[in-house]
Protein backbone atom coordinates (compact mmCIF):
# COMPACT_ATOMS: atom_id res chain seq x y z
CA MET A 1 0.11 0.10 0.25
CA ASP A 2 1.24 3.69 -0.90
CA LYS A 3 1.70 6.44 1.71
CA ILE A 4 -1.64 6.79 4.29
CA LYS A 5 -2.77 9.77 6.07
CA ILE A 6 -3.38 8.98 9.69
CA ALA A 7 -5.40 10.87 12.54
CA GLU A 8 -3.97 10.40 15.75
CA SER A 9 -6.55 11.15 18.97
CA LEU A 10 -5.90 11.86 22.56
CA ASP A 11 -8.52 13.29 24.81
CA SER A 12 -5.70 15.05 26.62
CA TRP A 13 -2.13 16.02 25.58
CA LEU A 14 0.50 18.86 26.13
CA PRO A 15 1.15 20.50 27.71
CA ILE A 16 -0.13 17.85 30.54
CA ILE A 17 2.56 15.05 30.30
CA ASP A 18 2.06 11.07 30.56
CA GLY A 19 2.05 8.08 29.44
CA PRO A 20 -0.57 8.00 26.47
CA GLY A 21 0.23 11.62 25.33
CA SER A 22 4.15 10.21 24.80
CA VAL A 23 2.78 7.33 22.88
CA VAL A 24 0.72 9.66 20.44
CA THR A 25 3.96 12.23 20.24
CA ASN A 26 6.45 9.30 19.18
CA TYR A 27 3.58 7.78 16.96
CA ALA A 28 3.29 10.77 15.43
CA LYS A 29 7.07 11.85 14.92
CA HIS A 30 8.07 8.83 13.60
CA LEU A 31 4.90 7.89 11.33
CA ASN A 32 5.62 11.53 9.23
CA ASN A 33 8.96 9.47 8.48
CA GLY A 34 7.31 7.46 5.37
CA ASP A 35 3.42 8.44 5.83
CA GLU A 36 1.58 11.25 7.12
CA CYS A 37 0.41 11.44 10.30
CA LYS A 38 -1.68 14.27 11.86
CA LEU A 39 -2.65 15.18 15.81
CA ILE A 40 -6.05 15.85 16.77
CA VAL A 41 -6.34 16.72 20.72
CA PRO A 42 -8.04 19.44 23.15
CA ARG A 43 -7.31 22.77 23.23
CA ALA A 44 -4.51 23.87 25.87
CA LYS A 45 -5.52 25.34 29.21
CA GLU A 46 -2.85 28.10 28.59
CA LYS A 47 -3.64 30.29 26.14
CA ASP A 48 -0.27 31.34 25.00
CA TYR A 49 0.78 27.41 24.50
CA VAL A 50 2.71 27.25 20.88
CA ASP A 51 2.73 23.73 19.24
CA ASN A 52 5.73 23.63 17.52
CA HIS A 53 6.21 20.20 16.38
CA SER A 54 7.32 18.13 13.41
CA PHE A 55 3.83 17.02 12.65
CA GLU A 56 0.42 19.19 12.36
CA VAL A 57 -1.78 19.43 15.24
CA PHE A 58 -5.47 20.44 15.09
CA ARG A 59 -6.98 21.54 18.84
CA CYS A 60 -10.53 21.35 19.27
CA ALA A 61 -12.75 23.18 21.73
CA ALA A 62 -12.26 22.17 25.58
CA VAL A 63 -12.81 23.02 28.92
CA SER A 64 -10.68 21.76 32.38
CA ALA A 65 -11.24 18.26 33.92
CA PRO A 66 -10.24 16.79 37.20
CA ASP A 67 -6.38 16.22 37.92
CA ASN A 68 -5.65 19.23 35.68
CA TYR A 69 -6.27 17.31 32.63
CA ARG A 70 -8.25 18.46 29.51
CA CYS A 71 -12.14 17.73 28.63
CA ALA A 72 -12.75 17.79 25.09
CA PHE A 73 -15.99 19.21 23.02
CA PRO A 74 -15.46 17.98 19.71
CA GLY A 75 -19.33 18.12 18.97
CA ALA A 76 -19.23 22.14 19.80
CA ASP A 77 -16.02 22.57 17.50
CA ARG A 78 -17.73 22.93 14.15
CA ARG A 79 -13.91 23.63 12.23
CA LEU A 80 -13.37 19.57 13.29
CA LYS A 81 -16.02 18.17 11.25
CA ALA A 82 -14.88 20.38 8.57
CA TYR A 83 -11.27 19.29 9.03
CA LEU A 84 -12.14 15.58 9.30
CA LYS A 85 -14.16 15.84 5.50
CA THR A 86 -11.25 18.22 3.99
CA GLN A 87 -8.23 15.99 5.12
CA LYS A 88 -9.72 12.37 3.74
CA PHE A 89 -7.62 10.53 6.17
CA ASP A 90 -7.37 6.61 5.71
CA ILE A 91 -7.41 6.08 9.16
CA TYR A 92 -8.45 7.02 12.35
CA HIS A 93 -6.06 5.95 16.06
CA VAL A 94 -8.14 6.49 18.89
CA HIS A 95 -5.55 6.53 22.58
CA SER A 96 -8.86 7.36 24.68
CA PRO A 97 -12.38 6.45 24.90
CA PHE A 98 -14.20 10.02 25.89
CA ASN A 99 -15.76 12.81 24.42
CA LEU A 100 -13.28 13.00 21.54
CA GLY A 101 -12.47 9.17 21.16
CA ALA A 102 -16.41 8.64 20.60
CA TYR A 103 -16.50 11.38 18.35
CA MET A 104 -13.63 10.12 16.03
CA VAL A 105 -15.86 6.63 15.86
CA ARG A 106 -18.81 8.36 14.79
CA ALA A 107 -17.01 10.14 11.97
CA GLY A 108 -15.13 7.19 11.02
CA LYS A 109 -18.48 5.67 10.42
CA LYS A 110 -19.99 8.57 8.64
CA ASN A 111 -16.74 9.32 6.61
CA GLY A 112 -16.01 5.55 5.97
CA VAL A 113 -12.67 5.47 7.51
CA PRO A 114 -11.67 2.71 9.50
CA VAL A 115 -11.03 3.36 13.29
CA VAL A 116 -8.54 1.70 16.05
CA ALA A 117 -9.42 2.51 19.58
CA HIS A 118 -6.30 1.97 21.85
CA LEU A 119 -6.85 0.89 25.50
CA HIS A 120 -3.45 2.65 28.17
CA THR A 121 -5.09 2.75 31.05
CA LYS A 122 -7.36 1.05 33.62
CA TYR A 123 -10.44 3.33 33.55
CA ASP A 124 -12.45 1.73 36.42
CA GLN A 125 -9.40 2.74 39.09
CA ASP A 126 -8.65 5.84 37.06
CA PHE A 127 -12.67 6.10 38.16
CA ASP A 128 -12.51 4.90 41.60
CA ARG A 129 -9.63 7.61 42.69
CA ILE A 130 -11.34 10.58 41.69
CA PRO A 131 -14.63 11.49 43.91
CA ILE A 132 -17.12 13.02 41.15
CA ALA A 133 -16.06 10.49 38.82
CA LYS A 134 -16.73 7.70 40.93
CA MET A 135 -20.36 8.46 41.67
CA PHE A 136 -20.77 8.04 37.52
CA LYS A 137 -18.51 5.38 37.59
CA ARG A 138 -21.23 2.54 35.81
CA PHE A 139 -22.13 5.42 33.24
CA MET A 140 -18.89 5.83 32.47
CA MET A 141 -17.84 2.57 31.81
CA ARG A 142 -20.61 1.89 29.55
CA ARG A 143 -20.03 4.67 27.75
CA ILE A 144 -16.22 4.41 27.12
CA MET A 145 -17.28 0.69 25.91
CA LYS A 146 -19.29 1.79 23.33
CA THR A 147 -16.25 3.53 21.58
CA TYR A 148 -14.45 0.37 21.73
CA LYS A 149 -17.34 -1.56 21.11
CA ASN A 150 -17.89 0.68 17.73
CA ALA A 151 -14.00 0.43 16.37
CA ASP A 152 -13.00 -1.24 13.46
CA SER A 153 -9.84 -2.84 15.55
CA VAL A 154 -9.41 -2.91 19.66
CA TRP A 155 -5.55 -3.06 20.35
CA THR A 156 -3.90 -3.03 23.92
CA VAL A 157 -0.29 -2.46 25.46
CA ASN A 158 0.28 -5.88 26.56
CA ASN A 159 -1.78 -8.97 27.59
CA ALA A 160 -2.53 -8.16 30.89
CA THR A 161 -4.08 -5.08 29.66
CA ALA A 162 -5.98 -7.62 27.13
CA ASP A 163 -7.54 -9.05 30.28
CA VAL A 164 -8.86 -5.45 31.70
CA LEU A 165 -10.52 -4.89 28.50
CA ARG A 166 -12.39 -8.45 28.41
CA GLY A 167 -13.07 -7.92 32.41
CA TYR A 168 -14.88 -5.21 30.84
CA GLY A 169 -16.98 -6.90 28.69
CA TYR A 170 -15.45 -6.34 25.42
CA THR A 171 -15.30 -9.81 23.23
CA GLY A 172 -14.14 -8.81 20.02
CA ASN A 173 -10.16 -9.65 18.92
CA ILE A 174 -7.81 -7.75 20.77
CA GLU A 175 -3.99 -7.03 19.20
CA VAL A 176 -1.26 -6.37 21.37
CA VAL A 177 0.99 -3.41 20.39
CA ARG A 178 3.98 -3.27 23.37
CA ASN A 179 5.46 0.43 23.92
CA GLY A 180 9.25 1.67 23.09
CA THR A 181 11.16 4.70 24.27
CA ASP A 182 13.18 7.89 22.24
CA MET A 183 15.99 7.15 24.49
CA VAL A 184 19.32 5.23 23.60
CA TYR A 185 22.57 4.52 25.49
CA PRO A 186 24.27 7.76 25.16
CA ASP A 187 28.05 8.27 23.74
CA ASN A 188 28.82 10.31 26.41
CA ALA A 189 27.76 8.60 29.51
CA GLY A 190 30.49 9.55 31.65
CA ALA A 191 29.83 13.43 31.21
CA LEU A 192 26.41 12.91 31.72
CA ILE A 193 27.24 10.59 35.00
CA LYS A 194 29.32 13.30 36.30
CA ALA A 195 27.19 16.12 35.93
CA VAL A 196 24.78 14.09 37.95
CA ASN A 197 27.38 13.36 40.47
CA GLU A 198 28.11 17.12 40.95
CA LYS A 199 24.62 18.40 40.90
CA HIS A 200 23.36 16.18 43.92
CA GLY A 201 27.02 15.02 45.55
CA LEU A 202 26.81 11.89 44.56
CA ASP A 203 30.20 11.15 43.92
CA GLY A 204 31.38 7.57 45.62
CA ALA A 205 27.61 7.23 46.41
CA GLU A 206 26.88 3.51 46.29
CA ASN A 207 23.30 1.95 46.45
CA VAL A 208 21.73 5.11 44.14
CA LEU A 209 17.93 4.38 43.67
CA LEU A 210 16.08 5.81 41.32
CA PHE A 211 11.75 6.61 40.76
CA VAL A 212 10.98 9.10 37.27
CA GLY A 213 7.39 9.95 37.03
CA ARG A 214 4.28 11.56 38.04
CA ILE A 215 4.30 12.72 41.66
CA VAL A 216 1.12 11.01 42.59
CA TRP A 217 0.39 8.51 45.62
CA TYR A 218 -1.62 6.25 43.12
CA LYS A 219 1.93 5.07 42.01
CA ASN A 220 1.99 3.29 44.84
CA LEU A 221 4.59 5.80 46.40
CA GLY A 222 3.81 4.97 50.22
CA LEU A 223 5.58 1.92 49.40
CA ILE A 224 9.12 3.13 48.36
CA CYS A 225 8.82 4.86 51.59
CA SER A 226 8.22 2.20 54.02
CA ALA A 227 10.26 -0.62 51.98
CA LEU A 228 13.16 1.58 52.30
CA LYS A 229 12.47 2.11 56.15
CA TYR A 230 12.67 -1.57 56.23
CA ALA A 231 15.99 -1.75 54.31
CA LYS A 232 18.10 0.57 56.10
CA SER A 233 16.86 -1.15 59.69
CA LYS A 234 18.61 -3.99 58.09
CA GLY A 235 21.44 -1.86 57.39
CA LEU A 236 21.34 -0.80 53.71
CA LYS A 237 22.94 2.53 52.71
CA PHE A 238 21.32 4.57 49.74
CA LYS A 239 20.34 7.25 48.24
CA MET A 240 17.23 7.77 46.38
CA LEU A 241 16.75 9.86 43.54
CA VAL A 242 13.13 10.85 42.27
CA VAL A 243 12.65 12.94 39.44
CA GLY A 244 9.31 14.34 38.32
CA PHE A 245 6.86 16.21 39.95
CA GLY A 246 2.91 16.17 41.02
CA GLU A 247 0.27 17.18 43.61
CA ASP A 248 1.14 14.67 45.90
CA GLU A 249 5.36 15.77 46.43
CA LYS A 250 4.97 17.16 49.60
CA LYS A 251 2.92 14.40 50.99
CA PHE A 252 5.87 12.31 49.54
CA LYS A 253 8.41 14.00 51.42
CA ALA A 254 6.70 14.22 54.35
CA THR A 255 6.50 10.68 54.58
CA ALA A 256 9.39 9.69 53.69
CA ALA A 257 10.61 12.11 56.56
CA GLU A 258 8.03 10.13 58.91
CA CYS A 259 10.08 7.11 57.99
CA GLY A 260 13.62 8.73 58.87
CA LEU A 261 14.63 8.90 55.29
CA GLN A 262 14.83 12.81 54.77
CA ASP A 263 18.60 12.63 54.55
CA ASP A 264 18.66 9.23 52.25
CA PHE A 265 15.75 11.25 49.48
CA ILE A 266 16.93 13.50 46.66
CA PHE A 267 13.90 15.56 44.95
CA ALA A 268 15.76 16.41 41.49
CA GLY A 269 12.22 17.89 40.56
CA LYS A 270 11.01 18.31 36.96
CA ILE A 271 13.70 17.23 34.15
CA THR A 272 12.39 18.35 30.57
CA ASP A 273 16.07 17.76 29.27
CA ARG A 274 15.87 14.41 28.25
CA LYS A 275 19.56 14.14 27.63
CA PHE A 276 20.19 15.35 31.27
CA LEU A 277 17.59 12.66 32.13
CA SER A 278 19.60 10.07 30.44
CA GLY A 279 22.19 10.99 33.37
CA TYR A 280 19.80 9.99 36.09
CA TYR A 281 19.04 6.30 34.87
CA LEU A 282 23.38 6.08 34.10
CA ARG A 283 24.25 6.91 37.97
CA SER A 284 21.60 4.75 39.49
CA ASP A 285 22.11 1.20 40.75
CA LEU A 286 18.19 0.11 40.24
CA PHE A 287 15.15 1.56 39.06
CA LEU A 288 11.96 1.34 41.26
CA PHE A 289 8.84 1.31 40.04
CA PRO A 290 6.09 -0.17 42.77
CA SER A 291 2.80 0.85 40.57
CA THR A 292 0.17 -1.75 40.46
CA PHE A 293 -1.97 1.33 38.46
CA ASP A 294 0.01 1.71 35.40
CA THR A 295 -0.98 -0.82 32.35
CA SER A 296 2.86 -0.93 30.59
CA SER A 297 5.02 2.04 31.88
CA LEU A 298 7.02 3.48 29.71
CA VAL A 299 9.73 4.38 32.43
CA PRO A 300 10.97 0.83 33.06
CA VAL A 301 12.01 0.84 28.85
CA GLU A 302 13.76 3.89 29.50
CA ALA A 303 15.81 2.81 32.24
CA ALA A 304 16.42 -0.53 29.94
CA ALA A 305 17.69 1.43 27.28
CA HIS A 306 20.22 2.92 29.94
CA CYS A 307 21.06 -0.69 31.33
CA LEU A 308 19.11 -0.09 34.91
CA PRO A 309 17.14 -2.98 36.03
CA THR A 310 13.58 -2.11 37.25
CA LEU A 311 12.35 -3.82 40.53
CA LEU A 312 8.41 -4.13 39.91
CA ILE A 313 5.38 -6.24 42.04
CA GLU A 314 4.79 -9.33 41.07
CA GLY A 315 1.89 -9.70 39.11
CA CYS A 316 1.27 -6.09 37.97
CA SER A 317 0.52 -5.30 34.27
CA THR A 318 3.88 -3.39 33.52
CA ALA A 319 5.97 -6.72 35.00
CA GLU A 320 4.26 -9.10 32.20
CA ASN A 321 7.20 -9.29 30.37
CA ILE A 322 9.49 -9.83 33.03
CA VAL A 323 11.72 -12.65 33.10
CA ARG A 324 12.41 -12.61 36.99
CA ASP A 325 15.98 -12.19 38.18
CA GLU A 326 16.62 -12.23 34.53
CA THR A 327 15.82 -8.84 33.01
CA GLY A 328 14.15 -7.48 35.91
CA PHE A 329 13.31 -7.81 39.61
CA LEU A 330 9.64 -8.74 41.05
CA ALA A 331 8.84 -8.74 44.68
CA PRO A 332 5.70 -8.59 46.81
CA GLU A 333 3.73 -5.54 47.54
CA THR A 334 4.76 -5.18 50.89
CA PRO A 335 7.09 -3.19 53.08
CA GLU A 336 9.07 -6.33 54.37
CA GLY A 337 8.63 -8.27 51.09
CA TYR A 338 9.96 -5.23 48.44
CA GLY A 339 12.34 -3.87 51.19
CA GLN A 340 14.05 -7.39 51.76
CA LYS A 341 14.35 -7.54 47.59
CA ILE A 342 16.04 -4.22 47.30
CA PHE A 343 18.33 -5.38 50.59
CA ASP A 344 19.24 -8.86 48.47
CA ILE A 345 19.53 -6.96 44.87
CA CYS A 346 21.69 -4.35 46.31
CA ALA A 347 24.55 -6.88 47.71
CA ASP A 348 24.46 -8.83 44.97
CA LYS A 349 26.58 -6.55 42.12
CA PRO A 350 27.12 -9.32 39.64
CA LEU A 351 23.34 -10.35 39.28
CA LEU A 352 22.61 -6.77 39.39
CA LYS A 353 24.92 -6.00 36.52
CA LEU A 354 23.61 -9.25 34.28
CA VAL A 355 19.99 -8.14 34.61
CA GLY A 356 20.33 -4.69 33.55
CA GLU A 357 22.62 -5.82 30.34
CA ASN A 358 19.88 -8.46 29.91
CA ALA A 359 17.07 -5.96 30.26
CA HIS A 360 18.94 -3.56 27.33
CA LYS A 361 19.03 -6.71 25.36
CA ARG A 362 15.22 -8.01 25.88
CA VAL A 363 13.33 -5.38 27.72
CA TYR A 364 14.52 -1.99 25.36
CA ARG A 365 12.30 -1.02 22.52
CA SER A 366 13.15 2.15 20.60
CA TRP A 367 9.84 3.60 19.02
CA ALA A 368 11.23 3.06 15.67
CA ASP A 369 10.74 -0.65 16.21
CA VAL A 370 7.20 -0.31 17.32
CA VAL A 371 6.22 1.99 14.64
CA ALA A 372 7.29 -0.24 11.99
CA GLU A 373 5.17 -2.59 13.39
CA VAL A 374 2.31 0.00 13.60
CA ARG A 375 2.71 0.85 9.97
CA GLN A 376 1.95 -2.51 8.82
CA LYS A 377 -0.63 -3.33 11.22
CA TYR A 378 -2.71 0.15 9.96
CA ARG A 379 -2.49 -1.56 6.41
CA GLU A 380 -4.13 -4.66 7.33
CA VAL A 381 -7.01 -2.48 9.23
CA ILE A 382 -7.51 -0.43 6.19
CA LYS A 383 -7.12 -3.74 3.61
CA ALA A 384 -9.70 -5.68 5.95
CA TYR A 385 -11.97 -1.97 5.93
CA LYS A 386 -12.35 -1.99 2.28
CA ASN A 387 -12.79 -5.87 2.06
CA THR A 388 -16.02 -5.49 4.26
CA ARG A 389 -17.49 -2.69 2.94
CA ARG A 390 -17.74 -4.00 -0.81
CA PHE A 391 -20.52 -6.28 0.53
């Protein structure tokens, strides 16, 4: 099939930073090297925010939503209807099932364009943690499932997430497309490590642990504190680097202090320079990711790009492809279990090094590799859709 034209849509995007937003950005960036890809997302809250990307972005009408997100109102935006008609896309790819996602599915039916609907998030858990959303959880779940059931192809980020979707009541075929990362092992690793050492006084420090991500309590951040309190009581000396920002940063700092860890934690804040962020992955010995909320977090893949292994909770969705003590580490979701595993890992440096190397070989995946797979799948969806419409 010749060059195709793709519309990627997401109900919330930059300047808000999250996993699905990163997926969409990297899809668009790499798809434009060969095909034509454009983004359809809600209008940013910040009136002075300007999109400056290698791909075109269409912003539709939107209002504020919980957690600083945006709620799109595509039906109230006549420009979007005209845009979809004049652009003549070959396929729509919906990355969230709310107002904009549902609108794109309906537009696909009207315009004769196949629609892919992608599940990135455990929406039932999302609704449970937001009081106003919890009140309407049953209604919202029925509504978002309508988006997936009416799509022409449904994708998830791993098999565990496919099981989540089936648990919501979806009975059709599901394609699995795993996530990747834009990060690579840098040529100037030594210089980046030195820069992090100098910034945080880490020269000579052993057992440097790392967390990167939004500082929100549902990422199981409390477990990091209680587990490290346990590991410290066993005699472990360490430094805990925290990179990121979020509404629970004060709570995280306070909990660390309550556990007697205030001198062991270093809160580096928000780091937007991806090259400098590489220095944190390179300087660390172990990446801690205790979240059971995430379906397929990108940060363990980023860590693997730098030969840094991750300690996850056994049985969580993100750990699906991890082979215990080979490509990553797994532990129970308890302070004693997670803390003891941290202690044991730090005591076995040869195993730590080997698992990091294996993670780089078997967990790391570039967005270029992901998009090569996605291109092929798009063409299969388009072909199947055309064949179906012949009858």
